[in-house]
Amino acid sequence: MPPPLKLKSKGVVIHQVQEGDLATNWRNDVPVLATPVLLWLAELACMRAIGESLEPGKMTLGYAHDMRHMSPTPVGWKISIEAELVKNEGGKLLTFEVEARDGEDVILSGSHTRAIVDRTRFLDRFESKRNRHEKLC
């Protein structure tokens, strides 16, 4: 049995900004860390905060973001993203406070909510959706 989900659990991601992380890869002409990449790293920090605490057969999915990307970060810089579990809504929705720093500035701040779902049921729904679409095409 996994350990229970505990409020105040923290997860950290340390990442060095690579060329592939830049906004120039997202149809933008500014060579700074792209917001979608930073949001993904924030999600990873949230997943690390809960670690192995989910029941067998369960998984989490990104549900909502309320984030502010506040400062640009150049390639080569190391960033640290920390997430803390602050709310557990009946074992269905988990809300995290997230902050990222690049050694000079707070570059991201906000909250992220993840939904706890049954993995098999989710994958069955996905396959059903894909099969319906393939029949129409």
N, C-alpha and C. Protein backbone atom coordinates (compact mmCIF):
# COMPACT_ATOMS: atom_id res chain seq x y z
N MET A 1 0.86 -1.19 0.00
CA MET A 1 0.00 0.00 0.00
C MET A 1 0.90 1.25 0.00
N PRO A 2 0.63 2.20 -0.90
CA PRO A 2 1.46 3.41 -0.94
C PRO A 2 1.21 4.30 0.27
N PRO A 3 2.18 5.16 0.59
CA PRO A 3 1.96 6.10 1.69
C PRO A 3 0.84 7.07 1.31
N PRO A 4 0.10 7.60 2.29
CA PRO A 4 -1.00 8.52 1.96
C PRO A 4 -0.48 9.84 1.39
N LEU A 5 -1.35 10.48 0.61
CA LEU A 5 -1.04 11.81 0.09
C LEU A 5 -1.05 12.79 1.25
N LYS A 6 0.04 13.51 1.44
CA LYS A 6 0.14 14.43 2.56
C LYS A 6 0.26 15.86 2.07
N LEU A 7 -0.56 16.73 2.67
CA LEU A 7 -0.41 18.15 2.38
C LEU A 7 0.99 18.58 2.79
N LYS A 8 1.52 19.55 2.11
CA LYS A 8 2.87 20.10 2.31
C LYS A 8 3.96 19.25 1.68
N SER A 9 3.59 18.11 1.04
CA SER A 9 4.59 17.32 0.33
C SER A 9 5.16 18.18 -0.80
N LYS A 10 6.47 18.08 -0.99
CA LYS A 10 7.13 18.92 -2.00
C LYS A 10 7.84 18.09 -3.04
N GLY A 11 7.89 18.64 -4.24
CA GLY A 11 8.64 18.05 -5.33
C GLY A 11 9.48 19.12 -5.99
N VAL A 12 10.67 18.74 -6.42
CA VAL A 12 11.58 19.70 -7.04
C VAL A 12 12.10 19.13 -8.35
N VAL A 13 12.20 20.00 -9.35
CA VAL A 13 12.84 19.67 -10.62
C VAL A 13 13.93 20.70 -10.84
N ILE A 14 15.13 20.23 -11.12
CA ILE A 14 16.25 21.09 -11.51
C ILE A 14 16.48 20.82 -12.99
N HIS A 15 16.59 21.89 -13.77
CA HIS A 15 16.71 21.73 -15.23
C HIS A 15 17.63 22.80 -15.80
N GLN A 16 18.53 22.39 -16.66
CA GLN A 16 19.37 23.35 -17.38
C GLN A 16 18.72 23.62 -18.72
N VAL A 17 18.48 24.89 -19.01
CA VAL A 17 17.78 25.29 -20.23
C VAL A 17 18.64 24.92 -21.46
N GLN A 18 18.04 24.15 -22.35
CA GLN A 18 18.70 23.69 -23.58
C GLN A 18 18.14 24.43 -24.79
N GLU A 19 18.80 24.32 -25.91
CA GLU A 19 18.33 24.94 -27.16
C GLU A 19 16.90 24.52 -27.48
N GLY A 20 16.60 23.25 -27.26
CA GLY A 20 15.26 22.73 -27.56
C GLY A 20 14.16 23.28 -26.67
N ASP A 21 14.53 23.93 -25.57
CA ASP A 21 13.56 24.50 -24.63
C ASP A 21 13.15 25.92 -24.98
N LEU A 22 13.78 26.50 -26.00
CA LEU A 22 13.59 27.93 -26.27
C LEU A 22 12.31 28.23 -27.04
N ALA A 23 11.82 29.43 -26.84
CA ALA A 23 10.61 29.90 -27.51
C ALA A 23 10.77 29.93 -29.02
N THR A 24 12.01 30.01 -29.50
CA THR A 24 12.24 29.99 -30.95
C THR A 24 11.78 28.69 -31.57
N ASN A 25 11.61 27.65 -30.79
CA ASN A 25 11.08 26.37 -31.28
C ASN A 25 9.55 26.34 -31.26
N TRP A 26 8.94 27.41 -30.78
CA TRP A 26 7.48 27.51 -30.65
C TRP A 26 6.95 28.69 -31.46
N ARG A 27 7.55 28.95 -32.61
CA ARG A 27 7.13 30.01 -33.51
C ARG A 27 7.22 31.40 -32.88
N ASN A 28 8.25 31.60 -32.09
CA ASN A 28 8.52 32.87 -31.46
C ASN A 28 9.96 33.23 -31.80
N ASP A 29 10.26 34.49 -31.92
CA ASP A 29 11.62 34.86 -32.33
C ASP A 29 12.51 35.28 -31.16
N VAL A 30 12.09 34.99 -29.93
CA VAL A 30 12.86 35.37 -28.76
C VAL A 30 13.55 34.12 -28.19
N PRO A 31 14.88 34.12 -28.08
CA PRO A 31 15.61 32.92 -27.63
C PRO A 31 15.67 32.78 -26.11
N VAL A 32 14.50 32.60 -25.50
CA VAL A 32 14.39 32.43 -24.04
C VAL A 32 13.59 31.16 -23.75
N LEU A 33 13.64 30.70 -22.51
CA LEU A 33 12.87 29.53 -22.09
C LEU A 33 11.39 29.72 -22.45
N ALA A 34 10.84 28.77 -23.19
CA ALA A 34 9.45 28.84 -23.63
C ALA A 34 8.49 28.53 -22.49
N THR A 35 7.40 29.27 -22.46
CA THR A 35 6.38 29.05 -21.43
C THR A 35 5.85 27.62 -21.43
N PRO A 36 5.53 27.00 -22.58
CA PRO A 36 5.03 25.61 -22.53
C PRO A 36 6.02 24.64 -21.88
N VAL A 37 7.30 24.86 -22.10
CA VAL A 37 8.31 24.00 -21.49
C VAL A 37 8.32 24.22 -19.98
N LEU A 38 8.26 25.46 -19.56
CA LEU A 38 8.25 25.77 -18.13
C LEU A 38 7.01 25.20 -17.45
N LEU A 39 5.86 25.26 -18.11
CA LEU A 39 4.65 24.68 -17.54
C LEU A 39 4.78 23.16 -17.41
N TRP A 40 5.39 22.52 -18.40
CA TRP A 40 5.59 21.07 -18.32
C TRP A 40 6.50 20.72 -17.15
N LEU A 41 7.57 21.48 -16.98
CA LEU A 41 8.48 21.23 -15.85
C LEU A 41 7.76 21.43 -14.52
N ALA A 42 6.85 22.40 -14.47
CA ALA A 42 6.04 22.61 -13.26
C ALA A 42 5.17 21.39 -12.99
N GLU A 43 4.59 20.82 -14.04
CA GLU A 43 3.78 19.60 -13.87
C GLU A 43 4.64 18.47 -13.33
N LEU A 44 5.86 18.34 -13.85
CA LEU A 44 6.75 17.29 -13.36
C LEU A 44 7.06 17.47 -11.87
N ALA A 45 7.27 18.71 -11.44
CA ALA A 45 7.54 18.97 -10.02
C ALA A 45 6.34 18.56 -9.17
N CYS A 46 5.14 18.82 -9.67
CA CYS A 46 3.92 18.42 -8.94
C CYS A 46 3.83 16.91 -8.84
N MET A 47 4.14 16.21 -9.92
CA MET A 47 4.11 14.75 -9.89
C MET A 47 5.14 14.20 -8.91
N ARG A 48 6.29 14.86 -8.85
CA ARG A 48 7.31 14.43 -7.88
C ARG A 48 6.86 14.65 -6.45
N ALA A 49 6.06 15.68 -6.21
CA ALA A 49 5.59 15.97 -4.85
C ALA A 49 4.73 14.84 -4.30
N ILE A 50 4.02 14.15 -5.16
CA ILE A 50 3.19 13.04 -4.67
C ILE A 50 3.89 11.71 -4.80
N GLY A 51 5.01 11.69 -5.55
CA GLY A 51 5.84 10.49 -5.63
C GLY A 51 5.06 9.23 -5.89
N GLU A 52 5.23 8.27 -5.02
CA GLU A 52 4.60 6.95 -5.15
C GLU A 52 3.36 6.83 -4.27
N SER A 53 2.72 7.96 -3.97
CA SER A 53 1.61 7.96 -3.02
C SER A 53 0.25 7.62 -3.61
N LEU A 54 0.17 7.41 -4.90
CA LEU A 54 -1.12 7.06 -5.50
C LEU A 54 -1.42 5.57 -5.31
N GLU A 55 -2.70 5.26 -5.20
CA GLU A 55 -3.11 3.86 -5.10
C GLU A 55 -2.75 3.15 -6.41
N PRO A 56 -2.50 1.85 -6.34
CA PRO A 56 -2.23 1.11 -7.58
C PRO A 56 -3.38 1.30 -8.57
N GLY A 57 -3.03 1.47 -9.84
CA GLY A 57 -4.04 1.64 -10.88
C GLY A 57 -4.49 3.08 -11.07
N LYS A 58 -3.99 3.98 -10.24
CA LYS A 58 -4.36 5.40 -10.37
C LYS A 58 -3.21 6.18 -11.01
N MET A 59 -3.55 7.31 -11.60
CA MET A 59 -2.57 8.22 -12.17
C MET A 59 -3.13 9.64 -12.07
N THR A 60 -2.28 10.63 -12.29
CA THR A 60 -2.78 12.00 -12.30
C THR A 60 -2.63 12.60 -13.70
N LEU A 61 -3.55 13.51 -13.99
CA LEU A 61 -3.56 14.23 -15.25
C LEU A 61 -3.63 15.72 -14.96
N GLY A 62 -2.96 16.52 -15.78
CA GLY A 62 -3.07 17.96 -15.63
C GLY A 62 -4.51 18.38 -15.83
N TYR A 63 -5.01 19.24 -14.95
CA TYR A 63 -6.42 19.65 -14.96
C TYR A 63 -6.56 21.16 -15.12
N ALA A 64 -5.72 21.92 -14.43
CA ALA A 64 -5.82 23.39 -14.51
C ALA A 64 -4.48 24.02 -14.15
N HIS A 65 -4.22 25.14 -14.80
CA HIS A 65 -3.04 25.96 -14.50
C HIS A 65 -3.50 27.38 -14.21
N ASP A 66 -2.95 27.99 -13.20
CA ASP A 66 -3.08 29.43 -12.96
C ASP A 66 -1.67 29.91 -12.66
N MET A 67 -0.91 30.13 -13.72
CA MET A 67 0.51 30.43 -13.59
C MET A 67 0.86 31.76 -14.25
N ARG A 68 1.90 32.36 -13.74
CA ARG A 68 2.46 33.57 -14.34
C ARG A 68 3.92 33.30 -14.67
N HIS A 69 4.27 33.44 -15.95
CA HIS A 69 5.67 33.34 -16.39
C HIS A 69 6.19 34.77 -16.38
N MET A 70 7.02 35.10 -15.39
CA MET A 70 7.29 36.50 -15.06
C MET A 70 8.64 37.03 -15.52
N SER A 71 9.55 36.17 -15.95
CA SER A 71 10.87 36.66 -16.29
C SER A 71 11.53 35.72 -17.29
N PRO A 72 12.27 36.27 -18.28
CA PRO A 72 12.92 35.42 -19.27
C PRO A 72 14.17 34.75 -18.71
N THR A 73 14.45 33.56 -19.24
CA THR A 73 15.65 32.82 -18.83
C THR A 73 16.38 32.36 -20.09
N PRO A 74 17.68 32.67 -20.19
CA PRO A 74 18.44 32.28 -21.38
C PRO A 74 18.90 30.82 -21.37
N VAL A 75 19.30 30.35 -22.54
CA VAL A 75 19.84 29.01 -22.69
C VAL A 75 21.09 28.87 -21.80
N GLY A 76 21.25 27.67 -21.24
CA GLY A 76 22.41 27.38 -20.41
C GLY A 76 22.19 27.63 -18.93
N TRP A 77 21.18 28.41 -18.58
CA TRP A 77 20.92 28.70 -17.17
C TRP A 77 20.22 27.51 -16.53
N LYS A 78 20.48 27.33 -15.24
CA LYS A 78 19.84 26.28 -14.45
C LYS A 78 18.63 26.88 -13.75
N ILE A 79 17.51 26.16 -13.82
CA ILE A 79 16.31 26.59 -13.12
C ILE A 79 15.91 25.54 -12.10
N SER A 80 15.22 25.99 -11.07
CA SER A 80 14.70 25.10 -10.03
C SER A 80 13.21 25.37 -9.89
N ILE A 81 12.41 24.32 -10.01
CA ILE A 81 10.97 24.43 -9.88
C ILE A 81 10.56 23.63 -8.66
N GLU A 82 9.84 24.28 -7.73
CA GLU A 82 9.38 23.60 -6.52
C GLU A 82 7.86 23.65 -6.47
N ALA A 83 7.27 22.50 -6.21
CA ALA A 83 5.82 22.38 -6.07
C ALA A 83 5.49 21.84 -4.69
N GLU A 84 4.43 22.37 -4.10
CA GLU A 84 3.97 21.91 -2.79
C GLU A 84 2.48 21.61 -2.85
N LEU A 85 2.11 20.41 -2.41
CA LEU A 85 0.70 20.02 -2.36
C LEU A 85 0.00 20.83 -1.27
N VAL A 86 -1.00 21.62 -1.65
CA VAL A 86 -1.67 22.49 -0.68
C VAL A 86 -3.14 22.15 -0.48
N LYS A 87 -3.72 21.34 -1.38
CA LYS A 87 -5.13 21.01 -1.25
C LYS A 87 -5.41 19.65 -1.89
N ASN A 88 -6.20 18.83 -1.16
CA ASN A 88 -6.62 17.53 -1.65
C ASN A 88 -8.14 17.50 -1.56
N GLU A 89 -8.80 17.60 -2.70
CA GLU A 89 -10.27 17.64 -2.73
C GLU A 89 -10.83 16.23 -2.89
N GLY A 90 -11.03 15.59 -1.77
CA GLY A 90 -11.68 14.28 -1.75
C GLY A 90 -10.94 13.19 -2.51
N GLY A 91 -9.64 13.33 -2.64
CA GLY A 91 -8.89 12.31 -3.37
C GLY A 91 -9.15 12.33 -4.86
N LYS A 92 -9.73 13.42 -5.36
CA LYS A 92 -10.02 13.52 -6.80
C LYS A 92 -9.21 14.62 -7.47
N LEU A 93 -9.04 15.76 -6.79
CA LEU A 93 -8.28 16.88 -7.32
C LEU A 93 -7.20 17.29 -6.33
N LEU A 94 -5.99 17.44 -6.83
CA LEU A 94 -4.85 17.86 -6.01
C LEU A 94 -4.38 19.22 -6.52
N THR A 95 -4.24 20.18 -5.62
CA THR A 95 -3.79 21.52 -6.00
C THR A 95 -2.42 21.78 -5.39
N PHE A 96 -1.54 22.31 -6.21
CA PHE A 96 -0.15 22.58 -5.84
C PHE A 96 0.15 24.06 -6.02
N GLU A 97 0.94 24.61 -5.11
CA GLU A 97 1.54 25.93 -5.32
C GLU A 97 2.89 25.67 -5.95
N VAL A 98 3.22 26.44 -6.98
CA VAL A 98 4.45 26.21 -7.73
C VAL A 98 5.24 27.51 -7.86
N GLU A 99 6.55 27.39 -7.71
CA GLU A 99 7.43 28.54 -7.93
C GLU A 99 8.69 28.04 -8.62
N ALA A 100 9.15 28.82 -9.60
CA ALA A 100 10.39 28.49 -10.30
C ALA A 100 11.33 29.68 -10.23
N ARG A 101 12.61 29.39 -10.10
CA ARG A 101 13.66 30.42 -10.02
C ARG A 101 14.78 30.06 -10.98
N ASP A 102 15.44 31.09 -11.50
CA ASP A 102 16.57 30.86 -12.39
C ASP A 102 17.91 31.31 -11.80
N GLY A 103 17.96 31.50 -10.49
CA GLY A 103 19.18 31.94 -9.83
C GLY A 103 19.25 33.44 -9.67
N GLU A 104 18.46 34.14 -10.45
CA GLU A 104 18.40 35.59 -10.35
C GLU A 104 17.00 36.09 -10.04
N ASP A 105 16.00 35.47 -10.65
CA ASP A 105 14.61 35.92 -10.49
C ASP A 105 13.69 34.75 -10.20
N VAL A 106 12.52 35.07 -9.63
CA VAL A 106 11.40 34.14 -9.66
C VAL A 106 10.86 34.24 -11.08
N ILE A 107 10.85 33.12 -11.79
CA ILE A 107 10.43 33.17 -13.19
C ILE A 107 9.02 32.65 -13.41
N LEU A 108 8.49 31.91 -12.43
CA LEU A 108 7.14 31.38 -12.54
C LEU A 108 6.55 31.27 -11.15
N SER A 109 5.27 31.61 -11.05
CA SER A 109 4.58 31.49 -9.78
C SER A 109 3.11 31.22 -10.06
N GLY A 110 2.51 30.34 -9.25
CA GLY A 110 1.09 30.09 -9.42
C GLY A 110 0.68 28.75 -8.85
N SER A 111 -0.43 28.25 -9.38
CA SER A 111 -0.96 26.97 -8.90
C SER A 111 -1.27 26.05 -10.08
N HIS A 112 -1.23 24.78 -9.78
CA HIS A 112 -1.54 23.74 -10.76
C HIS A 112 -2.41 22.70 -10.08
N THR A 113 -3.47 22.26 -10.76
CA THR A 113 -4.34 21.22 -10.24
C THR A 113 -4.23 19.99 -11.11
N ARG A 114 -4.13 18.85 -10.45
CA ARG A 114 -4.06 17.57 -11.14
C ARG A 114 -5.24 16.71 -10.68
N ALA A 115 -5.84 16.00 -11.63
CA ALA A 115 -6.95 15.09 -11.33
C ALA A 115 -6.41 13.68 -11.15
N ILE A 116 -6.91 12.99 -10.14
CA ILE A 116 -6.58 11.58 -9.93
C ILE A 116 -7.62 10.76 -10.68
N VAL A 117 -7.15 9.88 -11.57
CA VAL A 117 -8.06 9.07 -12.37
C VAL A 117 -7.61 7.61 -12.35
N ASP A 118 -8.55 6.75 -12.70
CA ASP A 118 -8.25 5.34 -12.87
C ASP A 118 -7.54 5.17 -14.22
N ARG A 119 -6.35 4.64 -14.20
CA ARG A 119 -5.53 4.53 -15.41
C ARG A 119 -6.21 3.68 -16.49
N THR A 120 -6.72 2.53 -16.13
CA THR A 120 -7.34 1.63 -17.11
C THR A 120 -8.57 2.28 -17.73
N ARG A 121 -9.40 2.89 -16.91
CA ARG A 121 -10.61 3.56 -17.43
C ARG A 121 -10.22 4.69 -18.38
N PHE A 122 -9.21 5.48 -18.01
CA PHE A 122 -8.77 6.57 -18.87
C PHE A 122 -8.28 6.04 -20.22
N LEU A 123 -7.44 5.00 -20.19
CA LEU A 123 -6.91 4.45 -21.44
C LEU A 123 -8.00 3.82 -22.28
N ASP A 124 -8.99 3.19 -21.65
CA ASP A 124 -10.12 2.62 -22.39
C ASP A 124 -10.91 3.73 -23.09
N ARG A 125 -11.15 4.83 -22.39
CA ARG A 125 -11.87 5.97 -23.00
C ARG A 125 -11.06 6.54 -24.16
N PHE A 126 -9.76 6.63 -24.00
CA PHE A 126 -8.90 7.14 -25.06
C PHE A 126 -8.98 6.24 -26.30
N GLU A 127 -8.86 4.94 -26.10
CA GLU A 127 -8.92 4.01 -27.23
C GLU A 127 -10.27 4.08 -27.93
N SER A 128 -11.33 4.17 -27.17
CA SER A 128 -12.67 4.28 -27.74
C SER A 128 -12.80 5.54 -28.59
N LYS A 129 -12.28 6.63 -28.09
CA LYS A 129 -12.32 7.90 -28.83
C LYS A 129 -11.53 7.79 -30.13
N ARG A 130 -10.34 7.23 -30.04
CA ARG A 130 -9.49 7.09 -31.22
C ARG A 130 -10.15 6.18 -32.25
N ASN A 131 -10.75 5.08 -31.79
CA ASN A 131 -11.42 4.15 -32.71
C ASN A 131 -12.61 4.81 -33.41
N ARG A 132 -13.39 5.60 -32.67
CA ARG A 132 -14.51 6.33 -33.28
C ARG A 132 -14.01 7.27 -34.36
N HIS A 133 -12.94 7.96 -34.08
CA HIS A 133 -12.39 8.92 -35.04
C HIS A 133 -11.87 8.20 -36.30
N GLU A 134 -11.17 7.11 -36.10
CA GLU A 134 -10.61 6.38 -37.24
C GLU A 134 -11.69 5.84 -38.15
N LYS A 135 -12.86 5.46 -37.59
CA LYS A 135 -13.98 4.98 -38.40
C LYS A 135 -14.56 6.10 -39.24
N LEU A 136 -14.47 7.34 -38.76
CA LEU A 136 -15.03 8.48 -39.50
C LEU A 136 -14.10 8.96 -40.61
N CYS A 137 -12.84 8.65 -40.49
CA CYS A 137 -11.86 9.16 -41.48
C CYS A 137 -11.68 8.24 -42.66
